[in-house]
Amino acid sequence: MERFKKYFKENTDIKIGDTILTGRFKNSPAVVKGFGTDKNNQPTVETTKGTVSLYKFRIKKLMKKK
């Protein structure tokens, strides 16, 4: 994760085991299993539901509580 810190605009710590929201409407929870890169060397997040681009999800722990 340390090598992807430069891609975050704010100091967001996503760790293995965190829950993120993925999918078309960003409402499907998935657990982070690891980090990697795609064919264009862009950072990705490996989850229980597949590989997701770094900024195509919501981070559940940073969302406002209702």
Protein backbone atom coordinates (compact mmCIF):
# COMPACT_ATOMS: atom_id res chain seq x y z
CA MET A 1 0.00 0.00 0.00
CA GLU A 2 2.89 2.36 0.63
CA ARG A 3 3.69 2.61 -3.07
CA PHE A 4 0.14 3.83 -3.84
CA LYS A 5 0.14 6.67 -1.27
CA LYS A 6 1.05 9.17 -4.01
CA TYR A 7 -2.21 8.38 -5.83
CA PHE A 8 -4.38 9.47 -2.90
CA LYS A 9 -5.28 13.16 -2.71
CA GLU A 10 -5.78 12.85 1.03
CA ASN A 11 -4.07 10.51 3.46
CA THR A 12 -6.48 7.59 3.15
CA ASP A 13 -5.38 4.30 4.59
CA ILE A 14 -6.96 1.30 2.92
CA LYS A 15 -5.76 -1.90 4.48
CA ILE A 16 -6.32 -5.55 3.77
CA GLY A 17 -9.56 -6.56 5.46
CA ASP A 18 -11.31 -3.18 5.03
CA THR A 19 -14.77 -3.09 3.47
CA ILE A 20 -15.32 -1.01 0.33
CA LEU A 21 -18.46 -0.49 -1.74
CA THR A 22 -18.13 -1.48 -5.41
CA GLY A 23 -20.40 -2.06 -8.37
CA ARG A 24 -22.33 0.16 -10.74
CA PHE A 25 -24.09 2.09 -7.99
CA LYS A 26 -21.31 1.67 -5.38
CA ASN A 27 -23.58 -0.28 -3.04
CA SER A 28 -22.16 -3.80 -3.12
CA PRO A 29 -19.77 -4.46 -0.20
CA ALA A 30 -16.49 -6.24 -0.86
CA VAL A 31 -13.51 -6.98 1.39
CA VAL A 32 -10.00 -5.89 0.33
CA LYS A 33 -7.69 -8.88 -0.23
CA GLY A 34 -4.67 -7.13 -1.76
CA PHE A 35 -3.28 -4.51 -4.11
CA GLY A 36 -1.82 -4.68 -7.60
CA THR A 37 -1.56 -3.00 -10.98
CA ASP A 38 -3.37 -3.45 -14.28
CA LYS A 39 -1.92 -3.76 -17.79
CA ASN A 40 -1.28 0.01 -17.89
CA ASN A 41 0.46 0.01 -14.48
CA GLN A 42 -2.48 1.80 -12.86
CA PRO A 43 -3.08 0.85 -9.20
CA THR A 44 -5.89 -1.62 -8.49
CA VAL A 45 -7.49 -3.15 -5.41
CA GLU A 46 -8.10 -6.90 -5.32
CA THR A 47 -11.34 -7.70 -3.51
CA THR A 48 -13.58 -10.67 -2.81
CA LYS A 49 -15.66 -9.63 -5.86
CA GLY A 50 -12.75 -9.14 -8.28
CA THR A 51 -10.22 -6.48 -9.18
CA VAL A 52 -11.31 -2.83 -9.00
CA SER A 53 -9.55 0.32 -10.20
CA LEU A 54 -8.22 2.44 -7.33
CA TYR A 55 -10.82 5.24 -7.52
CA LYS A 56 -13.89 3.26 -8.60
CA PHE A 57 -15.25 2.45 -5.17
CA ARG A 58 -16.38 4.01 -1.90
CA ILE A 59 -14.53 3.49 1.34
CA LYS A 60 -17.07 2.45 3.95
CA LYS A 61 -15.11 3.60 7.01
CA LEU A 62 -14.89 7.17 5.60
CA MET A 63 -18.60 7.53 4.85
CA LYS A 64 -20.85 9.57 7.14
CA LYS A 65 -22.90 7.57 9.57
CA LYS A 66 -26.66 8.06 9.33
